[in-house]
N, C-alpha and C. Protein backbone atom coordinates (compact mmCIF):
# COMPACT_ATOMS: atom_id res chain seq x y z
N UNK A 1 4.67 -55.78 -2.96
CA UNK A 1 4.61 -54.36 -3.25
C UNK A 1 5.53 -54.02 -4.43
N UNK A 2 6.75 -54.55 -4.39
CA UNK A 2 7.69 -54.27 -5.47
C UNK A 2 7.22 -54.85 -6.80
N UNK A 3 6.63 -56.03 -6.75
CA UNK A 3 6.15 -56.62 -8.00
C UNK A 3 5.00 -55.80 -8.59
N UNK A 4 4.20 -55.21 -7.73
CA UNK A 4 3.11 -54.36 -8.19
C UNK A 4 3.66 -53.14 -8.92
N UNK A 5 4.70 -52.52 -8.34
CA UNK A 5 5.34 -51.37 -8.99
C UNK A 5 5.97 -51.76 -10.31
N UNK A 6 6.58 -52.92 -10.35
CA UNK A 6 7.20 -53.39 -11.59
C UNK A 6 6.13 -53.57 -12.66
N UNK A 7 4.99 -54.14 -12.29
CA UNK A 7 3.90 -54.32 -13.26
C UNK A 7 3.36 -52.98 -13.76
N UNK A 8 3.29 -51.98 -12.85
CA UNK A 8 2.85 -50.65 -13.27
C UNK A 8 3.82 -50.01 -14.24
N UNK A 9 5.11 -50.15 -13.97
CA UNK A 9 6.12 -49.56 -14.85
C UNK A 9 6.08 -50.23 -16.22
N UNK A 10 5.95 -51.54 -16.24
CA UNK A 10 5.90 -52.26 -17.52
C UNK A 10 4.64 -51.87 -18.28
N UNK A 11 3.52 -51.74 -17.57
CA UNK A 11 2.27 -51.35 -18.23
C UNK A 11 2.37 -49.92 -18.76
N UNK A 12 3.04 -49.06 -18.03
CA UNK A 12 3.18 -47.67 -18.47
C UNK A 12 4.07 -47.58 -19.69
N UNK A 13 5.06 -48.43 -19.79
CA UNK A 13 5.95 -48.41 -20.95
C UNK A 13 5.25 -48.91 -22.20
N UNK A 14 4.26 -49.76 -22.03
CA UNK A 14 3.53 -50.30 -23.18
C UNK A 14 2.58 -49.26 -23.78
N UNK A 15 2.14 -48.29 -22.99
CA UNK A 15 1.21 -47.28 -23.48
C UNK A 15 1.99 -46.24 -24.27
N UNK A 16 1.49 -45.91 -25.45
CA UNK A 16 2.15 -44.92 -26.29
C UNK A 16 1.84 -43.52 -25.76
N UNK A 17 2.85 -42.68 -25.73
CA UNK A 17 2.73 -41.33 -25.18
C UNK A 17 2.31 -40.36 -26.27
N UNK A 18 1.25 -39.59 -25.99
CA UNK A 18 0.79 -38.56 -26.92
C UNK A 18 0.98 -37.20 -26.25
N UNK A 19 1.91 -36.36 -26.73
CA UNK A 19 2.16 -35.07 -26.07
C UNK A 19 0.96 -34.13 -26.11
N UNK A 20 0.01 -34.35 -27.00
CA UNK A 20 -1.17 -33.49 -27.05
C UNK A 20 -2.12 -33.76 -25.89
N UNK A 21 -1.99 -34.92 -25.27
CA UNK A 21 -2.84 -35.25 -24.13
C UNK A 21 -2.39 -34.55 -22.85
N UNK A 22 -1.15 -34.09 -22.82
CA UNK A 22 -0.59 -33.48 -21.62
C UNK A 22 -0.58 -31.97 -21.82
N UNK A 23 -1.66 -31.34 -21.41
CA UNK A 23 -1.78 -29.88 -21.51
C UNK A 23 -2.25 -29.34 -20.17
N UNK A 24 -1.89 -28.10 -19.84
CA UNK A 24 -2.27 -27.56 -18.55
C UNK A 24 -3.75 -27.18 -18.45
N UNK A 25 -4.42 -27.00 -19.53
CA UNK A 25 -5.83 -26.59 -19.59
C UNK A 25 -6.05 -25.29 -18.85
N UNK A 26 -7.28 -24.93 -18.64
CA UNK A 26 -7.61 -23.66 -17.98
C UNK A 26 -7.27 -23.72 -16.50
N UNK A 27 -7.30 -24.89 -15.89
CA UNK A 27 -6.99 -25.02 -14.47
C UNK A 27 -5.52 -24.69 -14.21
N UNK A 28 -4.64 -25.15 -15.07
CA UNK A 28 -3.22 -24.82 -14.93
C UNK A 28 -2.98 -23.33 -15.08
N UNK A 29 -3.65 -22.72 -16.07
CA UNK A 29 -3.53 -21.27 -16.24
C UNK A 29 -4.03 -20.54 -15.01
N UNK A 30 -5.17 -20.96 -14.47
CA UNK A 30 -5.75 -20.30 -13.30
C UNK A 30 -4.83 -20.40 -12.09
N UNK A 31 -4.27 -21.55 -11.85
CA UNK A 31 -3.37 -21.72 -10.71
C UNK A 31 -2.12 -20.86 -10.88
N UNK A 32 -1.55 -20.85 -12.08
CA UNK A 32 -0.38 -20.02 -12.34
C UNK A 32 -0.70 -18.55 -12.18
N UNK A 33 -1.85 -18.13 -12.67
CA UNK A 33 -2.27 -16.73 -12.55
C UNK A 33 -2.45 -16.34 -11.09
N UNK A 34 -3.08 -17.20 -10.30
CA UNK A 34 -3.29 -16.89 -8.89
C UNK A 34 -1.98 -16.82 -8.12
N UNK A 35 -1.05 -17.69 -8.44
CA UNK A 35 0.26 -17.63 -7.79
C UNK A 35 0.98 -16.33 -8.15
N UNK A 36 0.88 -15.91 -9.41
CA UNK A 36 1.50 -14.66 -9.84
C UNK A 36 0.86 -13.46 -9.14
N UNK A 37 -0.46 -13.46 -9.03
CA UNK A 37 -1.16 -12.36 -8.33
C UNK A 37 -0.75 -12.33 -6.87
N UNK A 38 -0.65 -13.48 -6.22
CA UNK A 38 -0.23 -13.53 -4.82
C UNK A 38 1.19 -13.01 -4.66
N UNK A 39 2.08 -13.36 -5.58
CA UNK A 39 3.46 -12.88 -5.51
C UNK A 39 3.53 -11.36 -5.66
N UNK A 40 2.78 -10.82 -6.59
CA UNK A 40 2.76 -9.36 -6.78
C UNK A 40 2.19 -8.67 -5.55
N UNK A 41 1.13 -9.23 -4.97
CA UNK A 41 0.54 -8.64 -3.76
C UNK A 41 1.52 -8.66 -2.60
N UNK A 42 2.25 -9.75 -2.44
CA UNK A 42 3.24 -9.82 -1.38
C UNK A 42 4.37 -8.82 -1.59
N UNK A 43 4.82 -8.66 -2.83
CA UNK A 43 5.87 -7.68 -3.11
C UNK A 43 5.38 -6.26 -2.85
N UNK A 44 4.16 -5.99 -3.24
CA UNK A 44 3.57 -4.66 -3.01
C UNK A 44 3.54 -4.36 -1.51
N UNK A 45 3.08 -5.32 -0.72
CA UNK A 45 3.00 -5.14 0.72
C UNK A 45 4.39 -4.98 1.33
N UNK A 46 5.37 -5.75 0.86
CA UNK A 46 6.72 -5.65 1.39
C UNK A 46 7.31 -4.27 1.13
N UNK A 47 7.12 -3.75 -0.08
CA UNK A 47 7.64 -2.42 -0.42
C UNK A 47 6.98 -1.37 0.47
N UNK A 48 5.68 -1.51 0.70
CA UNK A 48 4.96 -0.55 1.54
C UNK A 48 5.49 -0.57 2.97
N UNK A 49 5.73 -1.76 3.50
CA UNK A 49 6.23 -1.88 4.87
C UNK A 49 7.65 -1.36 5.00
N UNK A 50 8.50 -1.63 4.01
CA UNK A 50 9.87 -1.12 4.05
C UNK A 50 9.88 0.40 3.98
N UNK A 51 9.04 0.96 3.11
CA UNK A 51 8.97 2.41 2.98
C UNK A 51 8.51 3.04 4.31
N UNK A 52 7.50 2.44 4.93
CA UNK A 52 6.98 2.97 6.19
C UNK A 52 8.06 2.93 7.27
N UNK A 53 8.81 1.85 7.33
CA UNK A 53 9.88 1.72 8.32
C UNK A 53 10.97 2.75 8.08
N UNK A 54 11.31 2.97 6.82
CA UNK A 54 12.34 3.96 6.50
C UNK A 54 11.89 5.36 6.89
N UNK A 55 10.63 5.71 6.59
CA UNK A 55 10.12 7.03 6.95
C UNK A 55 10.09 7.22 8.46
N UNK A 56 9.71 6.18 9.20
CA UNK A 56 9.70 6.29 10.67
C UNK A 56 11.11 6.54 11.18
N UNK A 57 12.10 5.88 10.62
CA UNK A 57 13.49 6.10 11.02
C UNK A 57 13.94 7.52 10.73
N UNK A 58 13.55 8.05 9.57
CA UNK A 58 13.91 9.43 9.23
C UNK A 58 13.27 10.42 10.18
N UNK A 59 12.02 10.22 10.52
CA UNK A 59 11.33 11.12 11.44
C UNK A 59 11.97 11.04 12.82
N UNK A 60 12.31 9.83 13.27
CA UNK A 60 12.96 9.66 14.57
C UNK A 60 14.29 10.40 14.61
N UNK A 61 15.08 10.31 13.52
CA UNK A 61 16.36 11.02 13.46
C UNK A 61 16.16 12.53 13.50
N UNK A 62 15.14 13.03 12.80
CA UNK A 62 14.86 14.47 12.82
C UNK A 62 14.47 14.93 14.21
N UNK A 63 13.64 14.16 14.89
CA UNK A 63 13.23 14.53 16.26
C UNK A 63 14.42 14.52 17.21
N UNK A 64 15.30 13.53 17.08
CA UNK A 64 16.49 13.48 17.93
C UNK A 64 17.40 14.66 17.64
N UNK A 65 17.55 15.03 16.37
CA UNK A 65 18.39 16.18 16.02
C UNK A 65 17.79 17.47 16.58
N UNK A 66 16.47 17.63 16.52
CA UNK A 66 15.82 18.81 17.09
C UNK A 66 15.99 18.85 18.60
N UNK A 67 15.90 17.68 19.24
CA UNK A 67 16.07 17.63 20.70
C UNK A 67 17.51 17.99 21.07
N UNK A 68 18.49 17.51 20.32
CA UNK A 68 19.88 17.87 20.60
C UNK A 68 20.10 19.36 20.38
N UNK A 69 19.51 19.90 19.31
CA UNK A 69 19.67 21.34 19.04
C UNK A 69 19.02 22.17 20.14
N UNK A 70 17.86 21.75 20.63
CA UNK A 70 17.19 22.47 21.71
C UNK A 70 18.01 22.39 22.99
N UNK A 71 18.59 21.22 23.27
CA UNK A 71 19.42 21.07 24.47
C UNK A 71 20.68 21.93 24.35
N UNK A 72 21.25 22.02 23.16
CA UNK A 72 22.44 22.86 22.96
C UNK A 72 22.08 24.33 23.12
N UNK A 73 20.91 24.74 22.62
CA UNK A 73 20.47 26.13 22.78
C UNK A 73 20.23 26.46 24.24
N UNK A 74 19.66 25.52 24.99
CA UNK A 74 19.43 25.76 26.42
C UNK A 74 20.75 25.87 27.15
N UNK A 75 21.74 25.08 26.78
CA UNK A 75 23.05 25.14 27.42
C UNK A 75 23.73 26.46 27.13
N UNK A 76 23.59 26.96 25.91
CA UNK A 76 24.17 28.26 25.53
C UNK A 76 23.47 29.39 26.28
N UNK A 77 22.15 29.35 26.41
CA UNK A 77 21.38 30.36 27.13
C UNK A 77 21.75 30.38 28.60
N UNK A 78 21.97 29.23 29.22
CA UNK A 78 22.32 29.16 30.63
C UNK A 78 23.74 29.69 30.86
N UNK A 79 24.63 29.45 29.89
CA UNK A 79 26.02 29.92 30.08
C UNK A 79 26.10 31.43 29.88
N UNK A 80 25.20 32.03 29.11
CA UNK A 80 25.20 33.46 28.89
C UNK A 80 24.59 34.20 30.08
N UNK A 81 23.76 33.55 30.83
CA UNK A 81 23.10 34.22 31.97
C UNK A 81 23.95 34.32 33.17
């Protein structure tokens, strides 16, 4: 097995390297573009979910504040009676 790898390395060193042969072509562009689109879609979804969670928290706080205010008003009304 090792001798086979050595023969491959020696054969690869004998071949002259042409940088024009190593190009990404349209397939490389397509894969890069699809990864970029997927990343943007994931970020868009994450922002939407974070915003929704924040709004739910704000509404919950408002409801709790209204409930406390209503309980305080009921306590004041009972003490006046």
